[in-house]
Amino acid sequence: MKLTVQLKLAPAPEQAAMLRATIERFNAACNYIGDVAFRERCANKVALQKITYYDTRARFGLAAQLSIRAISKVIEAYKRDKNIRPRFRPQGALPYDERIMSWKGVEHVSLLTLSGRVIVPVVLAPYQAARVGRRCGQADLVYRDGTLYLYATVDIRELPVGEVLDYLGVDLGIVNIAADSDGRTYAGAHINGLRHRQRRLRKRLQAKCTRSAKRLLKRRRHKEQKFASDVNHKVSKRIVAEAQGTGRGIALEVLQGIRDRVSVRQPQRATLHSWAFFQLGQFVVYKAALAAVPVVFVDPRNTSRTCPACGLVDKRNRKTQAQFLCVECGFAGLADTIAALNIRARGRAACHAAVRGGCGVNVSKHPAASRLL
């Protein structure tokens, strides 16, 4: 399984200036190539290279392989939507392959710049140090908030997935970001309080429109994204650990279209649309693969309206947002936990339909999970 590891670079001031200049020149070349590709309606890399290669080298002073990388980056962007002229930020990512990047051990990397190669130290935390030795393929150089990062691809060996007889159902929601079929809830009122506080602060700063407010907004622009990623990492880690420790798989609801399926009151819309549910699903999938825990995806329709005791499906079962009470048999409980129980049951049903007596579902082969890897 291939993962992306963020590596912080620690270049000397003159090295940092050379790398920033290379990034800006590279993206300027991408904008020029993008103009040509859009004008000529050319989405073929070989054909576009014949048109722009020599002009790109002459205009921007890029080395041969940097010019090739710029053409490839433009083609990837242009193919996504041929009705839009591809545009690139001055400090957009610069892809390095093996021809213009080489590793000097694990703590230094050699990168090509406009003025030749520079050997840059890499700052390794324990997590990165344990994985950087398995790096493969190209890496992206990114300049963000005054710091240079190298996003390297590493190849991690997956453990063989065994058979399981039961699943841990996981329901995603608004009040609780996740709830499992054992009755645990993850990231509830405390996390939502922090999210609301950050949203109120952002709203006040945007309303002021002063220089100082804009500077503060600029400093804070990644804070909420990092906060959400940190919470998703913690939640997914706990879910996978619980499933692994009890010898179960994980049953998740299909994440595609989650915002379209859920209807909420107007005050809750910002809370729903501001959380990275897709990212949480990605984290669960890759952490489960590393821990040899099978993952299945099930249809989430009516999971919060179905009674796990008698099977009645009725919207009246959902008395409130938080509580479930079956109008037929009187079975009651927390609505999120009830939904997780139904997801667990559907996961077990899918498992037994595929393999009698157990299921070791490989997430990379599951059609609903293929988008998450």
Protein backbone atom coordinates (compact mmCIF):
# COMPACT_ATOMS: atom_id res chain seq x y z
CA MET A 1 0.00 0.00 0.00
CA LYS A 2 1.33 3.42 -0.92
CA LEU A 3 1.09 6.29 1.57
CA THR A 4 2.25 9.90 1.44
CA VAL A 5 4.58 11.10 4.18
CA GLN A 6 5.14 14.80 4.88
CA LEU A 7 8.83 15.56 5.45
CA LYS A 8 9.94 18.95 6.75
CA LEU A 9 13.05 20.36 5.11
CA ALA A 10 15.64 22.47 6.94
CA PRO A 11 17.55 24.30 4.18
CA ALA A 12 20.08 27.05 4.75
CA PRO A 13 18.75 30.55 3.88
CA GLU A 14 20.46 30.60 0.48
CA GLN A 15 19.19 27.09 -0.28
CA ALA A 16 15.65 28.09 0.68
CA ALA A 17 15.83 31.09 -1.65
CA MET A 18 17.02 28.87 -4.52
CA LEU A 19 14.22 26.38 -3.96
CA ARG A 20 11.54 29.09 -3.74
CA ALA A 21 12.81 30.69 -6.94
CA THR A 22 12.70 27.30 -8.67
CA ILE A 23 9.11 26.70 -7.51
CA GLU A 24 7.97 30.12 -8.77
CA ARG A 25 9.75 29.76 -12.12
CA PHE A 26 8.37 26.24 -12.55
CA ASN A 27 4.76 27.38 -11.98
CA ALA A 28 5.22 30.34 -14.30
CA ALA A 29 6.28 27.84 -16.95
CA CYS A 30 3.20 25.73 -16.15
CA ASN A 31 0.95 28.76 -16.76
CA TYR A 32 2.60 29.36 -20.13
CA ILE A 33 2.24 25.69 -21.11
CA GLY A 34 -1.34 25.70 -19.87
CA ASP A 35 -2.15 28.65 -22.14
CA VAL A 36 -0.75 26.75 -25.13
CA ALA A 37 -2.58 23.53 -24.22
CA PHE A 38 -5.90 25.40 -23.88
CA ARG A 39 -5.39 27.37 -27.09
CA GLU A 40 -4.40 24.31 -29.13
CA ARG A 41 -6.90 22.01 -27.35
CA CYS A 42 -4.05 19.60 -26.80
CA ALA A 43 -4.36 17.01 -24.01
CA ASN A 44 -1.70 14.64 -25.32
CA LYS A 45 1.59 14.84 -23.43
CA VAL A 46 3.79 13.85 -26.38
CA ALA A 47 2.12 16.32 -28.73
CA LEU A 48 2.24 19.15 -26.20
CA GLN A 49 5.90 18.42 -25.49
CA LYS A 50 6.73 18.83 -29.18
CA ILE A 51 5.02 22.26 -29.18
CA THR A 52 6.30 23.73 -25.91
CA TYR A 53 9.49 21.96 -24.79
CA TYR A 54 12.14 24.16 -26.42
CA ASP A 55 10.22 27.41 -25.84
CA THR A 56 9.77 26.52 -22.17
CA ARG A 57 13.49 25.90 -21.69
CA ALA A 58 14.41 29.11 -23.51
CA ARG A 59 11.84 31.37 -21.81
CA PHE A 60 12.18 30.14 -18.25
CA GLY A 61 15.64 28.62 -18.03
CA LEU A 62 14.41 25.30 -16.70
CA ALA A 63 16.48 22.15 -16.90
CA ALA A 64 15.32 19.45 -19.31
CA GLN A 65 13.61 17.24 -16.75
CA LEU A 66 11.98 20.18 -14.95
CA SER A 67 10.45 21.18 -18.29
CA ILE A 68 9.15 17.65 -18.78
CA ARG A 69 7.66 17.68 -15.26
CA ALA A 70 5.95 21.01 -15.99
CA ILE A 71 4.35 19.61 -19.16
CA SER A 72 3.13 16.54 -17.24
CA LYS A 73 1.64 18.70 -14.50
CA VAL A 74 -0.25 20.80 -17.04
CA ILE A 75 -1.61 17.71 -18.84
CA GLU A 76 -2.89 16.24 -15.56
CA ALA A 77 -4.70 19.49 -14.74
CA TYR A 78 -6.05 20.09 -18.25
CA LYS A 79 -7.46 16.57 -18.60
CA ARG A 80 -9.65 17.08 -15.52
CA ASP A 81 -11.68 19.77 -17.28
CA LYS A 82 -10.89 20.76 -20.85
CA ASN A 83 -13.30 23.70 -20.71
CA ILE A 84 -11.13 25.60 -18.23
CA ARG A 85 -7.71 27.12 -18.88
CA PRO A 86 -5.37 25.52 -16.30
CA ARG A 87 -3.89 28.08 -13.91
CA PHE A 88 -1.23 27.48 -11.27
CA ARG A 89 -0.37 29.39 -8.11
CA PRO A 90 3.16 30.92 -8.00
CA GLN A 91 3.98 28.62 -5.08
CA GLY A 92 2.19 25.49 -6.26
CA ALA A 93 3.74 22.06 -5.75
CA LEU A 94 6.84 21.11 -7.76
CA PRO A 95 7.02 17.36 -8.56
CA TYR A 96 10.48 15.76 -8.36
CA ASP A 97 11.26 12.37 -9.87
CA GLU A 98 14.38 10.20 -9.61
CA ARG A 99 16.18 12.12 -12.35
CA ILE A 100 16.16 15.43 -10.47
CA MET A 101 16.08 14.15 -6.89
CA SER A 102 18.29 11.71 -5.01
CA TRP A 103 18.49 10.70 -1.37
CA LYS A 104 21.71 10.92 0.62
CA GLY A 105 20.90 8.43 3.32
CA VAL A 106 17.59 9.16 5.04
CA GLU A 107 18.39 12.57 6.52
CA HIS A 108 19.46 14.49 3.39
CA VAL A 109 17.97 14.88 -0.06
CA SER A 110 19.52 16.34 -3.22
CA LEU A 111 17.16 18.55 -5.25
CA LEU A 112 17.71 20.23 -8.60
CA THR A 113 17.23 24.02 -8.70
CA LEU A 114 17.73 26.74 -11.29
CA SER A 115 21.32 27.10 -10.05
CA GLY A 116 22.21 23.43 -9.75
CA ARG A 117 21.67 20.80 -7.10
CA VAL A 118 21.43 21.50 -3.39
CA ILE A 119 21.67 18.94 -0.58
CA VAL A 120 19.02 19.76 2.02
CA PRO A 121 18.67 18.29 5.54
CA VAL A 122 15.38 16.52 6.35
CA VAL A 123 13.76 16.81 9.79
CA LEU A 124 12.49 13.36 10.76
CA ALA A 125 10.03 12.65 13.57
CA PRO A 126 9.73 9.00 14.73
CA TYR A 127 6.70 8.38 12.50
CA GLN A 128 8.49 9.59 9.35
CA ALA A 129 11.79 7.94 10.30
CA ALA A 130 10.12 4.53 10.51
CA ARG A 131 8.71 4.85 6.97
CA VAL A 132 11.03 7.02 4.89
CA GLY A 133 13.32 4.07 4.20
CA ARG A 134 10.55 2.56 2.04
CA ARG A 135 10.18 5.62 -0.21
CA CYS A 136 9.44 5.09 -3.89
CA GLY A 137 8.55 7.12 -6.94
CA GLN A 138 8.36 10.89 -7.15
CA ALA A 139 7.91 13.46 -4.39
CA ASP A 140 6.30 16.92 -4.34
CA LEU A 141 8.12 20.00 -3.05
CA VAL A 142 5.66 22.35 -1.31
CA TYR A 143 6.25 25.82 0.16
CA ARG A 144 3.65 26.64 2.81
CA ASP A 145 3.60 29.29 5.53
CA GLY A 146 7.31 30.00 5.17
CA THR A 147 8.35 26.34 5.41
CA LEU A 148 9.45 23.88 2.74
CA TYR A 149 8.02 20.34 2.81
CA LEU A 150 8.68 17.28 0.71
CA TYR A 151 5.69 14.97 0.26
CA ALA A 152 7.24 11.57 -0.43
CA THR A 153 5.47 8.36 -1.44
CA VAL A 154 6.32 5.31 0.67
CA ASP A 155 5.39 1.68 0.00
CA ILE A 156 4.13 -0.01 3.17
CA ARG A 157 3.70 -3.77 3.28
CA GLU A 158 0.16 -4.76 4.18
CA LEU A 159 -0.45 -7.62 6.58
CA PRO A 160 -2.62 -10.47 5.28
CA VAL A 161 -6.28 -9.95 6.23
CA GLY A 162 -7.80 -12.92 8.03
CA GLU A 163 -11.39 -14.03 8.44
CA VAL A 164 -13.65 -12.44 11.04
CA LEU A 165 -17.05 -13.48 12.32
CA ASP A 166 -18.27 -10.10 13.50
CA TYR A 167 -17.98 -6.41 12.69
CA LEU A 168 -17.80 -3.17 14.60
CA GLY A 169 -20.45 -0.91 13.08
CA VAL A 170 -19.57 2.79 12.82
CA ASP A 171 -22.10 5.56 12.19
CA LEU A 172 -21.02 9.07 11.20
CA GLY A 173 -23.01 12.04 12.46
CA ILE A 174 -23.17 15.68 13.46
CA VAL A 175 -23.45 15.83 17.25
CA ASN A 176 -21.04 12.89 17.51
CA ILE A 177 -18.59 12.65 14.63
CA ALA A 178 -18.71 8.87 14.99
CA ALA A 179 -20.50 6.29 17.14
CA ASP A 180 -19.91 2.54 17.20
CA SER A 181 -22.13 -0.45 17.81
CA ASP A 182 -20.57 -1.02 21.26
CA GLY A 183 -22.11 2.25 22.47
CA ARG A 184 -18.99 4.44 22.29
CA THR A 185 -19.16 7.94 20.87
CA TYR A 186 -16.24 9.85 19.43
CA ALA A 187 -15.56 13.59 19.41
CA GLY A 188 -18.83 14.94 20.74
CA ALA A 189 -19.84 18.19 22.45
CA HIS A 190 -16.32 19.34 23.33
CA ILE A 191 -15.10 19.12 19.72
CA ASN A 192 -18.25 20.80 18.39
CA GLY A 193 -17.77 23.62 20.91
CA LEU A 194 -14.26 24.25 19.62
CA ARG A 195 -15.48 24.18 16.03
CA HIS A 196 -18.23 26.72 16.78
CA ARG A 197 -15.75 28.99 18.55
CA GLN A 198 -13.39 28.95 15.57
CA ARG A 199 -16.26 29.65 13.18
CA ARG A 200 -17.47 32.63 15.26
CA LEU A 201 -13.94 34.04 15.40
CA ARG A 202 -13.52 33.68 11.63
CA LYS A 203 -16.87 35.40 11.05
CA ARG A 204 -15.91 38.37 13.26
CA LEU A 205 -12.54 38.77 11.56
CA GLN A 206 -14.09 38.62 8.08
CA ALA A 207 -16.61 41.29 9.06
CA LYS A 208 -13.90 43.72 10.22
CA CYS A 209 -11.98 43.79 6.90
CA THR A 210 -9.03 45.57 8.53
CA ARG A 211 -5.38 44.88 7.77
CA SER A 212 -4.77 43.28 11.13
CA ALA A 213 -7.88 41.11 10.78
CA LYS A 214 -6.74 39.92 7.34
CA ARG A 215 -3.27 39.12 8.71
CA LEU A 216 -4.82 37.09 11.52
CA LEU A 217 -7.11 35.27 9.09
CA LYS A 218 -4.09 34.41 6.96
CA ARG A 219 -2.26 32.97 9.96
CA ARG A 220 -5.31 30.96 10.98
CA ARG A 221 -6.32 29.67 7.56
CA HIS A 222 -4.81 26.20 8.09
CA LYS A 223 -5.64 25.95 11.78
CA GLU A 224 -9.14 24.52 11.34
CA GLN A 225 -7.95 22.09 8.67
CA LYS A 226 -5.17 20.82 10.94
CA PHE A 227 -7.61 20.57 13.83
CA ALA A 228 -10.02 18.43 11.78
CA SER A 229 -7.19 16.20 10.54
CA ASP A 230 -5.89 15.70 14.07
CA VAL A 231 -9.34 14.73 15.38
CA ASN A 232 -9.93 12.39 12.43
CA HIS A 233 -6.58 10.70 13.05
CA LYS A 234 -7.42 10.14 16.72
CA VAL A 235 -10.95 8.88 16.03
CA SER A 236 -9.86 6.50 13.26
CA LYS A 237 -6.99 5.19 15.40
CA ARG A 238 -9.36 4.37 18.27
CA ILE A 239 -11.87 2.68 15.97
CA VAL A 240 -9.23 0.50 14.33
CA ALA A 241 -7.62 -0.35 17.68
CA GLU A 242 -10.96 -1.45 19.11
CA ALA A 243 -11.71 -3.67 16.10
CA GLN A 244 -8.22 -5.15 16.08
CA GLY A 245 -8.23 -5.82 19.82
CA THR A 246 -11.53 -7.72 19.65
CA GLY A 247 -10.80 -9.63 16.44
CA ARG A 248 -13.52 -7.92 14.42
CA GLY A 249 -13.76 -6.11 11.12
CA ILE A 250 -15.14 -2.60 10.61
CA ALA A 251 -18.44 -1.83 8.89
CA LEU A 252 -18.75 1.73 7.56
CA GLU A 253 -21.53 3.47 5.70
CA VAL A 254 -20.84 4.39 2.09
CA LEU A 255 -19.48 7.91 2.35
CA GLN A 256 -20.34 9.17 -1.13
CA GLY A 257 -23.17 11.71 -0.98
CA ILE A 258 -23.36 11.80 2.83
CA ARG A 259 -24.23 15.51 2.79
CA ASP A 260 -27.01 14.97 0.26
CA ARG A 261 -28.54 12.11 2.24
CA VAL A 262 -28.65 13.92 5.58
CA SER A 263 -31.30 16.59 6.16
CA VAL A 264 -30.63 18.96 9.06
CA ARG A 265 -32.01 22.18 10.45
CA GLN A 266 -30.47 25.43 9.20
CA PRO A 267 -28.30 26.06 12.32
CA GLN A 268 -26.65 22.64 11.84
CA ARG A 269 -25.77 23.02 8.16
CA ALA A 270 -22.43 24.68 8.76
CA THR A 271 -21.51 21.97 11.26
CA LEU A 272 -22.37 19.23 8.76
CA HIS A 273 -20.64 20.76 5.74
CA SER A 274 -17.48 21.84 7.56
CA TRP A 275 -16.36 18.37 8.67
CA ALA A 276 -14.09 16.11 6.58
CA PHE A 277 -16.12 12.88 6.64
CA PHE A 278 -14.40 11.58 3.51
CA GLN A 279 -11.01 12.12 5.14
CA LEU A 280 -12.15 10.22 8.23
CA GLY A 281 -13.14 7.30 5.99
CA GLN A 282 -9.75 7.41 4.29
CA PHE A 283 -7.96 7.31 7.62
CA VAL A 284 -9.99 4.33 8.83
CA VAL A 285 -9.33 2.43 5.58
CA TYR A 286 -5.55 2.86 5.53
CA LYS A 287 -5.07 2.33 9.27
CA ALA A 288 -7.20 -0.81 9.08
CA ALA A 289 -5.15 -2.11 6.16
CA LEU A 290 -1.94 -1.65 8.15
CA ALA A 291 -3.49 -3.48 11.12
CA ALA A 292 -4.89 -6.36 8.96
CA VAL A 293 -8.48 -5.40 9.89
CA PRO A 294 -11.06 -6.00 7.12
CA VAL A 295 -13.39 -3.14 6.19
CA VAL A 296 -16.77 -3.38 4.45
CA PHE A 297 -18.98 -0.56 3.21
CA VAL A 298 -22.76 -0.87 3.46
CA ASP A 299 -25.79 1.07 2.27
CA PRO A 300 -26.71 3.54 5.05
CA ARG A 301 -30.34 4.12 4.03
CA ASN A 302 -32.78 3.96 6.95
CA THR A 303 -30.13 2.81 9.43
CA SER A 304 -31.35 5.43 11.90
CA ARG A 305 -35.03 4.48 11.39
CA THR A 306 -34.75 0.68 11.56
CA CYS A 307 -35.33 -1.16 14.81
CA PRO A 308 -32.51 -3.70 15.36
CA ALA A 309 -34.85 -5.82 17.54
CA CYS A 310 -37.96 -6.26 15.36
CA GLY A 311 -36.78 -4.83 12.03
CA LEU A 312 -39.52 -2.19 11.69
CA VAL A 313 -38.56 0.71 9.42
CA ASP A 314 -40.51 3.82 10.36
CA LYS A 315 -39.50 7.47 10.59
CA ARG A 316 -41.58 7.72 13.77
CA ASN A 317 -38.95 5.52 15.46
CA ARG A 318 -36.65 8.54 15.52
CA LYS A 319 -38.34 10.51 18.26
CA THR A 320 -35.63 13.19 18.41
CA GLN A 321 -32.19 13.75 16.95
CA ALA A 322 -30.60 11.90 19.87
CA GLN A 323 -33.17 9.27 20.86
CA PHE A 324 -34.61 6.19 19.17
CA LEU A 325 -37.85 4.50 20.29
CA CYS A 326 -39.46 1.74 18.25
CA VAL A 327 -43.22 2.31 17.88
CA GLU A 328 -43.76 -1.43 17.42
CA CYS A 329 -41.76 -3.23 20.13
CA GLY A 330 -40.61 -0.35 22.35
CA PHE A 331 -36.87 -0.94 21.81
CA ALA A 332 -35.07 2.28 22.77
CA GLY A 333 -31.57 3.70 22.80
CA LEU A 334 -29.30 6.44 21.50
CA ALA A 335 -30.04 7.06 17.84
CA ASP A 336 -26.38 7.04 16.78
CA THR A 337 -25.76 3.72 18.53
CA ILE A 338 -28.89 2.21 16.95
CA ALA A 339 -27.67 3.28 13.50
CA ALA A 340 -24.25 1.73 14.23
CA LEU A 341 -25.96 -1.54 15.27
CA ASN A 342 -27.82 -1.63 11.95
CA ILE A 343 -24.60 -0.92 10.05
CA ARG A 344 -22.95 -3.78 11.94
CA ALA A 345 -25.82 -6.12 10.99
CA ARG A 346 -25.56 -5.14 7.33
CA GLY A 347 -21.80 -5.67 7.43
CA ARG A 348 -22.27 -9.18 8.82
CA ALA A 349 -24.94 -9.93 6.21
CA ALA A 350 -22.67 -8.79 3.38
CA CYS A 351 -19.83 -10.83 4.84
CA HIS A 352 -21.80 -14.08 5.14
CA ALA A 353 -23.27 -13.63 1.67
CA ALA A 354 -19.74 -13.51 0.27
CA VAL A 355 -18.00 -16.14 2.40
CA ARG A 356 -19.89 -18.69 4.48
CA GLY A 357 -18.70 -18.72 8.08
CA GLY A 358 -16.58 -15.57 7.98
CA CYS A 359 -15.22 -12.81 5.83
CA GLY A 360 -11.84 -11.33 5.17
CA VAL A 361 -12.73 -8.46 2.85
CA ASN A 362 -9.77 -6.78 1.18
CA VAL A 363 -10.61 -3.06 1.14
CA SER A 364 -8.55 -2.44 -1.97
CA LYS A 365 -10.89 -4.80 -3.89
CA HIS A 366 -14.13 -3.41 -2.49
CA PRO A 367 -15.88 -1.21 -5.10
CA ALA A 368 -17.10 1.33 -2.57
CA ALA A 369 -13.69 1.60 -0.96
CA SER A 370 -11.68 1.96 -4.15
CA ARG A 371 -12.19 5.72 -4.13
CA LEU A 372 -10.67 6.01 -0.66
CA LEU A 373 -7.24 4.53 -1.45
